Amino acid sequence: MECNVGKKDKIIRLFIALILIAIAYFYKESIGNWIWLFYIIAIIMLITVLISFCLPYKLLGVNTCGKEEKPVKPTKRKRR
């Protein structure tokens, strides 16, 4: 598995997962049976954050990971 979930995408997924968990926890009586769907979606999002891989992204050819940047080598100064 190669990385296809970038840093910004991970932050957004983590934020949404935490919101879903909070909604499911604090509003469990008002959302009823939907509580399990909230938890399942949050867990899936947290797993994708941890492993940096999203299967739907792979199937759609999406990659938010970006190219690996090579470190810039310092240039040597010419002596006069």
N, C-alpha and C. Protein backbone atom coordinates (compact mmCIF):
# COMPACT_ATOMS: atom_id res chain seq x y z
N MET A 1 0.84 -1.17 0.00
CA MET A 1 0.00 0.00 0.00
C MET A 1 0.89 1.24 0.00
N GLU A 2 0.60 2.11 -0.91
CA GLU A 2 1.34 3.36 -0.95
C GLU A 2 0.49 4.48 -0.37
N CYS A 3 1.16 5.49 0.09
CA CYS A 3 0.48 6.63 0.70
C CYS A 3 -0.36 7.36 -0.35
N ASN A 4 -1.64 7.56 -0.07
CA ASN A 4 -2.47 8.37 -0.96
C ASN A 4 -3.34 9.36 -0.18
N VAL A 5 -3.02 9.54 1.11
CA VAL A 5 -3.73 10.50 1.95
C VAL A 5 -2.69 11.49 2.48
N GLY A 6 -2.82 12.74 2.09
CA GLY A 6 -1.86 13.77 2.46
C GLY A 6 -2.09 14.33 3.86
N LYS A 7 -1.18 15.23 4.27
CA LYS A 7 -1.21 15.79 5.61
C LYS A 7 -2.48 16.60 5.88
N LYS A 8 -2.85 17.46 4.94
CA LYS A 8 -4.07 18.26 5.12
C LYS A 8 -5.30 17.37 5.15
N ASP A 9 -5.32 16.36 4.31
CA ASP A 9 -6.43 15.41 4.26
C ASP A 9 -6.54 14.66 5.58
N LYS A 10 -5.41 14.29 6.17
CA LYS A 10 -5.41 13.59 7.45
C LYS A 10 -6.00 14.47 8.55
N ILE A 11 -5.62 15.75 8.55
CA ILE A 11 -6.12 16.67 9.58
C ILE A 11 -7.64 16.83 9.45
N ILE A 12 -8.12 16.96 8.22
CA ILE A 12 -9.56 17.10 7.99
C ILE A 12 -10.29 15.84 8.42
N ARG A 13 -9.75 14.67 8.05
CA ARG A 13 -10.38 13.40 8.44
C ARG A 13 -10.41 13.23 9.95
N LEU A 14 -9.32 13.58 10.62
CA LEU A 14 -9.26 13.47 12.07
C LEU A 14 -10.28 14.38 12.73
N PHE A 15 -10.38 15.61 12.24
CA PHE A 15 -11.35 16.58 12.77
C PHE A 15 -12.78 16.07 12.60
N ILE A 16 -13.11 15.57 11.41
CA ILE A 16 -14.46 15.05 11.16
C ILE A 16 -14.75 13.82 12.02
N ALA A 17 -13.76 12.94 12.16
CA ALA A 17 -13.95 11.74 12.98
C ALA A 17 -14.23 12.12 14.44
N LEU A 18 -13.49 13.09 14.95
CA LEU A 18 -13.71 13.51 16.34
C LEU A 18 -15.08 14.16 16.52
N ILE A 19 -15.51 14.91 15.51
CA ILE A 19 -16.85 15.50 15.57
C ILE A 19 -17.93 14.41 15.56
N LEU A 20 -17.77 13.41 14.71
CA LEU A 20 -18.74 12.32 14.66
C LEU A 20 -18.80 11.55 15.98
N ILE A 21 -17.64 11.32 16.57
CA ILE A 21 -17.60 10.61 17.86
C ILE A 21 -18.28 11.46 18.94
N ALA A 22 -18.03 12.76 18.94
CA ALA A 22 -18.65 13.64 19.94
C ALA A 22 -20.16 13.69 19.76
N ILE A 23 -20.62 13.78 18.52
CA ILE A 23 -22.07 13.80 18.26
C ILE A 23 -22.70 12.50 18.71
N ALA A 24 -22.07 11.37 18.38
CA ALA A 24 -22.62 10.07 18.77
C ALA A 24 -22.64 9.91 20.28
N TYR A 25 -21.64 10.45 20.96
CA TYR A 25 -21.57 10.29 22.41
C TYR A 25 -22.56 11.20 23.14
N PHE A 26 -22.58 12.48 22.76
CA PHE A 26 -23.40 13.43 23.50
C PHE A 26 -24.87 13.45 23.08
N TYR A 27 -25.16 13.03 21.86
CA TYR A 27 -26.55 13.06 21.38
C TYR A 27 -27.08 11.64 21.09
N LYS A 28 -26.63 10.67 21.86
CA LYS A 28 -27.00 9.27 21.59
C LYS A 28 -28.49 9.02 21.66
N GLU A 29 -29.21 9.73 22.53
CA GLU A 29 -30.64 9.51 22.64
C GLU A 29 -31.41 10.12 21.47
N SER A 30 -30.94 11.24 20.97
CA SER A 30 -31.68 11.91 19.90
C SER A 30 -31.39 11.32 18.51
N ILE A 31 -30.22 10.70 18.33
CA ILE A 31 -29.94 10.13 17.00
C ILE A 31 -30.31 8.65 16.91
N GLY A 32 -30.61 8.04 18.03
CA GLY A 32 -31.13 6.67 18.04
C GLY A 32 -30.19 5.64 17.44
N ASN A 33 -30.72 4.90 16.45
CA ASN A 33 -29.95 3.80 15.85
C ASN A 33 -28.83 4.28 14.94
N TRP A 34 -28.82 5.53 14.61
CA TRP A 34 -27.76 6.08 13.75
C TRP A 34 -26.42 6.17 14.47
N ILE A 35 -26.44 5.98 15.78
CA ILE A 35 -25.21 6.10 16.56
C ILE A 35 -24.12 5.15 16.05
N TRP A 36 -24.49 3.94 15.66
CA TRP A 36 -23.50 2.97 15.19
C TRP A 36 -22.90 3.39 13.85
N LEU A 37 -23.70 3.99 13.00
CA LEU A 37 -23.18 4.48 11.73
C LEU A 37 -22.15 5.59 11.96
N PHE A 38 -22.43 6.47 12.90
CA PHE A 38 -21.49 7.54 13.24
C PHE A 38 -20.17 6.95 13.73
N TYR A 39 -20.24 5.97 14.63
CA TYR A 39 -19.03 5.34 15.16
C TYR A 39 -18.25 4.60 14.07
N ILE A 40 -18.96 3.88 13.21
CA ILE A 40 -18.28 3.12 12.15
C ILE A 40 -17.56 4.05 11.18
N ILE A 41 -18.23 5.11 10.77
CA ILE A 41 -17.59 6.07 9.86
C ILE A 41 -16.39 6.72 10.53
N ALA A 42 -16.51 7.07 11.81
CA ALA A 42 -15.40 7.69 12.54
C ALA A 42 -14.21 6.73 12.65
N ILE A 43 -14.48 5.47 12.92
CA ILE A 43 -13.40 4.48 13.04
C ILE A 43 -12.70 4.29 11.70
N ILE A 44 -13.47 4.21 10.62
CA ILE A 44 -12.86 4.07 9.30
C ILE A 44 -11.99 5.28 8.98
N MET A 45 -12.47 6.47 9.32
CA MET A 45 -11.68 7.68 9.06
C MET A 45 -10.40 7.70 9.89
N LEU A 46 -10.48 7.26 11.14
CA LEU A 46 -9.29 7.21 11.98
C LEU A 46 -8.28 6.20 11.47
N ILE A 47 -8.76 5.08 10.96
CA ILE A 47 -7.85 4.07 10.39
C ILE A 47 -7.14 4.62 9.17
N THR A 48 -7.87 5.32 8.31
CA THR A 48 -7.22 5.90 7.13
C THR A 48 -6.20 6.96 7.51
N VAL A 49 -6.44 7.67 8.61
CA VAL A 49 -5.46 8.64 9.09
C VAL A 49 -4.19 7.92 9.56
N LEU A 50 -4.36 6.81 10.26
CA LEU A 50 -3.21 6.09 10.81
C LEU A 50 -2.37 5.39 9.74
N ILE A 51 -3.02 4.81 8.72
CA ILE A 51 -2.26 4.05 7.73
C ILE A 51 -1.99 4.85 6.45
N SER A 52 -2.52 6.05 6.36
CA SER A 52 -2.31 6.95 5.20
C SER A 52 -2.74 6.32 3.88
N PHE A 53 -3.75 5.49 3.91
CA PHE A 53 -4.25 4.83 2.71
C PHE A 53 -5.76 4.82 2.72
N CYS A 54 -6.37 5.18 1.58
CA CYS A 54 -7.81 5.19 1.43
C CYS A 54 -8.16 4.40 0.17
N LEU A 55 -8.89 3.30 0.32
CA LEU A 55 -9.22 2.45 -0.82
C LEU A 55 -10.05 3.17 -1.87
N PRO A 56 -11.10 3.95 -1.49
CA PRO A 56 -11.82 4.69 -2.54
C PRO A 56 -10.93 5.64 -3.32
N TYR A 57 -9.97 6.28 -2.64
CA TYR A 57 -9.03 7.13 -3.35
C TYR A 57 -8.23 6.32 -4.37
N LYS A 58 -7.79 5.14 -3.98
CA LYS A 58 -7.02 4.27 -4.88
C LYS A 58 -7.86 3.89 -6.10
N LEU A 59 -9.12 3.53 -5.89
CA LEU A 59 -10.00 3.13 -6.98
C LEU A 59 -10.30 4.29 -7.93
N LEU A 60 -10.37 5.51 -7.38
CA LEU A 60 -10.66 6.69 -8.20
C LEU A 60 -9.40 7.36 -8.75
N GLY A 61 -8.24 6.88 -8.33
CA GLY A 61 -6.99 7.45 -8.81
C GLY A 61 -6.63 8.78 -8.16
N VAL A 62 -7.14 9.01 -6.97
CA VAL A 62 -6.88 10.27 -6.25
C VAL A 62 -5.67 10.07 -5.34
N ASN A 63 -4.80 11.06 -5.29
CA ASN A 63 -3.64 11.01 -4.41
C ASN A 63 -3.41 12.41 -3.85
N THR A 64 -3.67 12.59 -2.55
CA THR A 64 -3.44 13.88 -1.92
C THR A 64 -2.12 13.90 -1.17
N CYS A 65 -1.38 12.82 -1.25
CA CYS A 65 -0.11 12.71 -0.54
C CYS A 65 0.95 13.61 -1.15
N GLY A 66 0.87 13.85 -2.42
CA GLY A 66 1.84 14.72 -3.07
C GLY A 66 3.14 13.98 -3.37
N LYS A 67 4.00 14.66 -4.08
CA LYS A 67 5.29 14.07 -4.41
C LYS A 67 6.23 14.24 -3.23
N GLU A 68 7.08 13.23 -3.06
CA GLU A 68 8.07 13.34 -2.01
C GLU A 68 9.11 14.36 -2.44
N GLU A 69 9.31 15.33 -1.59
CA GLU A 69 10.26 16.37 -1.93
C GLU A 69 11.66 15.93 -1.51
N LYS A 70 12.59 16.07 -2.43
CA LYS A 70 13.97 15.75 -2.13
C LYS A 70 14.60 16.94 -1.42
N PRO A 71 15.44 16.68 -0.45
CA PRO A 71 16.08 17.80 0.24
C PRO A 71 16.99 18.56 -0.73
N VAL A 72 16.98 19.84 -0.57
CA VAL A 72 17.79 20.69 -1.44
C VAL A 72 19.22 20.68 -0.94
N LYS A 73 20.13 20.37 -1.86
CA LYS A 73 21.54 20.35 -1.50
C LYS A 73 22.08 21.78 -1.54
N PRO A 74 22.86 22.13 -0.54
CA PRO A 74 23.44 23.48 -0.57
C PRO A 74 24.46 23.60 -1.71
N THR A 75 24.43 24.71 -2.36
CA THR A 75 25.38 24.90 -3.45
C THR A 75 26.73 25.33 -2.89
N LYS A 76 27.75 24.87 -3.57
CA LYS A 76 29.10 25.22 -3.12
C LYS A 76 29.47 26.58 -3.70
N ARG A 77 30.06 27.39 -2.87
CA ARG A 77 30.51 28.70 -3.32
C ARG A 77 31.86 28.56 -4.00
N LYS A 78 32.01 29.27 -5.07
CA LYS A 78 33.28 29.25 -5.77
C LYS A 78 34.27 30.15 -5.05
N ARG A 79 35.46 29.63 -4.89
CA ARG A 79 36.51 30.42 -4.24
C ARG A 79 37.17 31.32 -5.26
N ARG A 80 37.48 32.50 -4.85
CA ARG A 80 38.15 33.44 -5.76
C ARG A 80 39.60 33.59 -5.42
